[in-house]
């Protein structure tokens, strides 16, 4: 709208940086929430807590493969296949 356009046109650089910082913070929070939820699903399916190495692997896989693909894996694989997928460094 015209009012929004005017608001953005009159923002100072500091206000724009603040807006981007807030966007980055919210994006980080969403990513952390998704990672936490997927980790819980993995733990429940495996019947145990994830090790620190597995948690790091899971975070890396979410970053490289995306949360949708990792979610598909946790839903589709049985316990043994899921453990093997998490243990394999080249799994996709």
N, C-alpha and C. Protein backbone atom coordinates (compact mmCIF):
# COMPACT_ATOMS: atom_id res chain seq x y z
N UNK A 1 0.84 -1.19 0.00
CA UNK A 1 0.00 0.00 0.00
C UNK A 1 0.88 1.24 0.00
N UNK A 2 0.26 2.37 -0.24
CA UNK A 2 0.99 3.64 -0.25
C UNK A 2 1.56 3.97 1.13
N UNK A 3 0.80 3.67 2.16
CA UNK A 3 1.26 3.97 3.52
C UNK A 3 2.51 3.16 3.87
N UNK A 4 2.51 1.87 3.49
CA UNK A 4 3.69 1.02 3.75
C UNK A 4 4.89 1.50 2.96
N UNK A 5 4.65 1.86 1.70
CA UNK A 5 5.73 2.34 0.84
C UNK A 5 6.35 3.61 1.44
N UNK A 6 5.50 4.53 1.89
CA UNK A 6 5.98 5.76 2.51
C UNK A 6 6.78 5.45 3.77
N UNK A 7 6.29 4.52 4.58
CA UNK A 7 7.00 4.14 5.81
C UNK A 7 8.40 3.63 5.49
N UNK A 8 8.51 2.73 4.51
CA UNK A 8 9.81 2.18 4.16
C UNK A 8 10.73 3.23 3.54
N UNK A 9 10.17 4.12 2.79
CA UNK A 9 10.98 5.16 2.16
C UNK A 9 11.55 6.13 3.18
N UNK A 10 10.89 6.27 4.33
CA UNK A 10 11.35 7.23 5.33
C UNK A 10 12.15 6.58 6.46
N UNK A 11 12.37 5.28 6.38
CA UNK A 11 13.13 4.59 7.44
C UNK A 11 14.60 4.98 7.37
N UNK A 12 15.21 5.08 8.53
CA UNK A 12 16.65 5.33 8.59
C UNK A 12 17.38 4.02 8.36
N UNK A 13 18.66 4.12 8.09
CA UNK A 13 19.47 2.91 7.91
C UNK A 13 19.44 2.05 9.17
N UNK A 14 19.49 2.69 10.33
CA UNK A 14 19.46 1.95 11.60
C UNK A 14 18.15 1.18 11.74
N UNK A 15 17.05 1.77 11.35
CA UNK A 15 15.76 1.10 11.42
C UNK A 15 15.69 -0.08 10.45
N UNK A 16 16.28 0.09 9.29
CA UNK A 16 16.30 -1.00 8.31
C UNK A 16 17.15 -2.15 8.83
N UNK A 17 18.33 -1.85 9.39
CA UNK A 17 19.17 -2.89 9.97
C UNK A 17 18.45 -3.61 11.10
N UNK A 18 17.71 -2.85 11.90
CA UNK A 18 16.95 -3.45 13.01
C UNK A 18 15.88 -4.39 12.47
N UNK A 19 15.24 -4.00 11.39
CA UNK A 19 14.21 -4.83 10.77
C UNK A 19 14.82 -6.14 10.26
N UNK A 20 15.98 -6.05 9.61
CA UNK A 20 16.65 -7.26 9.13
C UNK A 20 17.14 -8.13 10.29
N UNK A 21 17.62 -7.53 11.36
CA UNK A 21 18.04 -8.30 12.53
C UNK A 21 16.88 -9.07 13.13
N UNK A 22 15.72 -8.42 13.20
CA UNK A 22 14.52 -9.08 13.73
C UNK A 22 14.12 -10.24 12.83
N UNK A 23 14.18 -10.04 11.53
CA UNK A 23 13.86 -11.10 10.57
C UNK A 23 14.81 -12.28 10.77
N UNK A 24 16.11 -12.01 10.89
CA UNK A 24 17.10 -13.07 11.11
C UNK A 24 16.85 -13.81 12.42
N UNK A 25 16.49 -13.08 13.46
CA UNK A 25 16.22 -13.70 14.76
C UNK A 25 15.02 -14.65 14.66
N UNK A 26 13.97 -14.19 14.01
CA UNK A 26 12.78 -15.03 13.86
C UNK A 26 13.07 -16.26 13.01
N UNK A 27 13.87 -16.09 11.97
CA UNK A 27 14.24 -17.21 11.12
C UNK A 27 15.05 -18.25 11.91
N UNK A 28 15.98 -17.77 12.73
CA UNK A 28 16.79 -18.65 13.58
C UNK A 28 15.91 -19.42 14.56
N UNK A 29 14.95 -18.72 15.16
CA UNK A 29 14.04 -19.36 16.11
C UNK A 29 13.21 -20.45 15.43
N UNK A 30 12.72 -20.18 14.23
CA UNK A 30 11.94 -21.19 13.50
C UNK A 30 12.81 -22.40 13.18
N UNK A 31 14.03 -22.17 12.76
CA UNK A 31 14.95 -23.27 12.43
C UNK A 31 15.24 -24.10 13.68
N UNK A 32 15.46 -23.45 14.81
CA UNK A 32 15.72 -24.16 16.07
C UNK A 32 14.50 -24.98 16.49
N UNK A 33 13.30 -24.44 16.31
CA UNK A 33 12.08 -25.15 16.66
C UNK A 33 11.92 -26.40 15.79
N UNK A 34 12.12 -26.26 14.50
CA UNK A 34 12.00 -27.41 13.59
C UNK A 34 13.05 -28.46 13.94
N UNK A 35 14.27 -28.04 14.21
CA UNK A 35 15.33 -28.98 14.57
C UNK A 35 14.97 -29.72 15.85
N UNK A 36 14.47 -29.01 16.84
CA UNK A 36 14.07 -29.62 18.11
C UNK A 36 12.96 -30.65 17.88
N UNK A 37 11.96 -30.31 17.10
CA UNK A 37 10.85 -31.23 16.84
C UNK A 37 11.31 -32.47 16.09
N UNK A 38 12.17 -32.30 15.10
CA UNK A 38 12.68 -33.46 14.37
C UNK A 38 13.55 -34.33 15.27
N UNK A 39 14.35 -33.73 16.13
CA UNK A 39 15.17 -34.50 17.07
C UNK A 39 14.29 -35.33 17.99
N UNK A 40 13.17 -34.76 18.44
CA UNK A 40 12.23 -35.51 19.29
C UNK A 40 11.64 -36.70 18.53
N UNK A 41 11.28 -36.48 17.27
CA UNK A 41 10.75 -37.59 16.47
C UNK A 41 11.78 -38.69 16.29
N UNK A 42 13.02 -38.31 16.01
CA UNK A 42 14.09 -39.30 15.88
C UNK A 42 14.27 -40.07 17.18
N UNK A 43 14.31 -39.36 18.29
CA UNK A 43 14.47 -40.01 19.60
C UNK A 43 13.33 -40.98 19.88
N UNK A 44 12.13 -40.56 19.61
CA UNK A 44 10.98 -41.43 19.86
C UNK A 44 11.02 -42.68 18.99
N UNK A 45 11.38 -42.51 17.73
CA UNK A 45 11.42 -43.64 16.81
C UNK A 45 12.56 -44.59 17.18
N UNK A 46 13.70 -44.04 17.60
CA UNK A 46 14.84 -44.88 17.98
C UNK A 46 14.67 -45.47 19.38
N UNK A 47 13.79 -44.89 20.18
CA UNK A 47 13.57 -45.37 21.53
C UNK A 47 14.64 -44.97 22.52
N UNK A 48 15.34 -43.89 22.20
CA UNK A 48 16.42 -43.41 23.07
C UNK A 48 16.76 -41.98 22.70
N UNK A 49 17.52 -41.33 23.59
CA UNK A 49 18.00 -39.98 23.29
C UNK A 49 19.08 -40.07 22.22
N UNK A 50 19.18 -39.03 21.40
CA UNK A 50 20.25 -38.96 20.41
C UNK A 50 21.56 -38.63 21.10
N UNK A 51 22.64 -39.20 20.61
CA UNK A 51 23.96 -38.84 21.12
C UNK A 51 24.31 -37.44 20.61
N UNK A 52 25.35 -36.86 21.16
CA UNK A 52 25.79 -35.54 20.68
C UNK A 52 26.19 -35.60 19.22
N UNK A 53 26.89 -36.67 18.82
CA UNK A 53 27.27 -36.83 17.41
C UNK A 53 26.04 -36.93 16.52
N UNK A 54 25.04 -37.68 16.96
CA UNK A 54 23.82 -37.80 16.17
C UNK A 54 23.07 -36.47 16.08
N UNK A 55 23.08 -35.71 17.15
CA UNK A 55 22.44 -34.39 17.12
C UNK A 55 23.14 -33.48 16.11
N UNK A 56 24.47 -33.51 16.10
CA UNK A 56 25.22 -32.70 15.13
C UNK A 56 24.92 -33.16 13.71
N UNK A 57 24.89 -34.48 13.51
CA UNK A 57 24.58 -35.03 12.19
C UNK A 57 23.19 -34.61 11.75
N UNK A 58 22.24 -34.68 12.66
CA UNK A 58 20.87 -34.29 12.33
C UNK A 58 20.80 -32.82 11.93
N UNK A 59 21.45 -31.94 12.70
CA UNK A 59 21.46 -30.51 12.35
C UNK A 59 22.09 -30.29 10.98
N UNK A 60 23.19 -30.99 10.71
CA UNK A 60 23.87 -30.85 9.42
C UNK A 60 22.97 -31.34 8.28
N UNK A 61 22.27 -32.44 8.50
CA UNK A 61 21.37 -32.97 7.46
C UNK A 61 20.20 -32.02 7.21
N UNK A 62 19.68 -31.43 8.26
CA UNK A 62 18.59 -30.46 8.09
C UNK A 62 19.08 -29.28 7.26
N UNK A 63 20.32 -28.83 7.52
CA UNK A 63 20.87 -27.71 6.76
C UNK A 63 21.12 -28.07 5.30
N UNK A 64 21.61 -29.29 5.05
CA UNK A 64 21.97 -29.66 3.67
C UNK A 64 20.81 -30.25 2.88
N UNK A 65 19.99 -31.07 3.52
CA UNK A 65 18.90 -31.74 2.81
C UNK A 65 17.56 -31.02 2.94
N UNK A 66 17.43 -30.23 4.01
CA UNK A 66 16.18 -29.54 4.27
C UNK A 66 15.32 -30.33 5.26
N UNK A 67 14.52 -29.60 6.00
CA UNK A 67 13.71 -30.22 7.05
C UNK A 67 12.63 -31.14 6.46
N UNK A 68 12.14 -30.84 5.27
CA UNK A 68 11.11 -31.69 4.67
C UNK A 68 11.66 -33.08 4.36
N UNK A 69 12.85 -33.14 3.76
CA UNK A 69 13.46 -34.45 3.45
C UNK A 69 13.77 -35.22 4.73
N UNK A 70 14.33 -34.55 5.74
CA UNK A 70 14.65 -35.21 7.00
C UNK A 70 13.36 -35.69 7.67
N UNK A 71 12.30 -34.92 7.60
CA UNK A 71 11.02 -35.34 8.14
C UNK A 71 10.48 -36.57 7.41
N UNK A 72 10.64 -36.61 6.10
CA UNK A 72 10.22 -37.78 5.33
C UNK A 72 10.97 -39.03 5.78
N UNK A 73 12.26 -38.88 6.03
CA UNK A 73 13.09 -40.00 6.47
C UNK A 73 12.60 -40.55 7.80
N UNK A 74 12.39 -39.67 8.77
CA UNK A 74 11.98 -40.14 10.10
C UNK A 74 10.61 -40.82 10.05
N UNK A 75 9.74 -40.40 9.15
CA UNK A 75 8.42 -41.02 9.04
C UNK A 75 8.45 -42.34 8.26
N UNK A 76 9.32 -42.43 7.25
CA UNK A 76 9.32 -43.58 6.36
C UNK A 76 10.17 -44.75 6.87
N UNK A 77 11.25 -44.47 7.58
CA UNK A 77 12.18 -45.53 7.96
C UNK A 77 11.78 -46.19 9.27
N UNK A 78 12.08 -47.49 9.38
CA UNK A 78 11.89 -48.16 10.66
C UNK A 78 13.08 -47.84 11.57
N UNK A 79 13.04 -48.31 12.80
CA UNK A 79 14.07 -47.98 13.78
C UNK A 79 15.48 -48.31 13.29
N UNK A 80 15.67 -49.51 12.77
CA UNK A 80 17.02 -49.92 12.34
C UNK A 80 17.51 -49.10 11.15
N UNK A 81 16.64 -48.89 10.18
CA UNK A 81 17.02 -48.10 9.00
C UNK A 81 17.31 -46.65 9.39
N UNK A 82 16.53 -46.13 10.33
CA UNK A 82 16.74 -44.75 10.78
C UNK A 82 18.08 -44.61 11.48
N UNK A 83 18.42 -45.56 12.35
CA UNK A 83 19.71 -45.54 13.03
C UNK A 83 20.87 -45.63 12.04
N UNK A 84 20.72 -46.49 11.03
CA UNK A 84 21.76 -46.62 10.01
C UNK A 84 21.90 -45.34 9.20
N UNK A 85 20.77 -44.72 8.85
CA UNK A 85 20.79 -43.48 8.08
C UNK A 85 21.50 -42.38 8.86
N UNK A 86 21.23 -42.33 10.15
CA UNK A 86 21.85 -41.32 10.99
C UNK A 86 23.34 -41.57 11.17
N UNK A 87 23.74 -42.83 11.13
CA UNK A 87 25.15 -43.18 11.34
C UNK A 87 25.99 -43.02 10.08
N UNK A 88 25.37 -43.09 8.92
CA UNK A 88 26.11 -42.99 7.66
C UNK A 88 26.41 -41.54 7.30
N UNK A 89 27.68 -41.19 7.15
CA UNK A 89 28.02 -39.80 6.83
C UNK A 89 27.59 -39.35 5.44
N UNK A 90 27.41 -40.31 4.52
CA UNK A 90 27.08 -39.95 3.14
C UNK A 90 25.60 -40.16 2.82
N UNK A 91 24.78 -40.44 3.81
CA UNK A 91 23.35 -40.70 3.56
C UNK A 91 22.64 -39.45 3.08
N UNK A 92 21.66 -39.64 2.24
CA UNK A 92 20.90 -38.51 1.71
C UNK A 92 19.46 -38.74 1.74
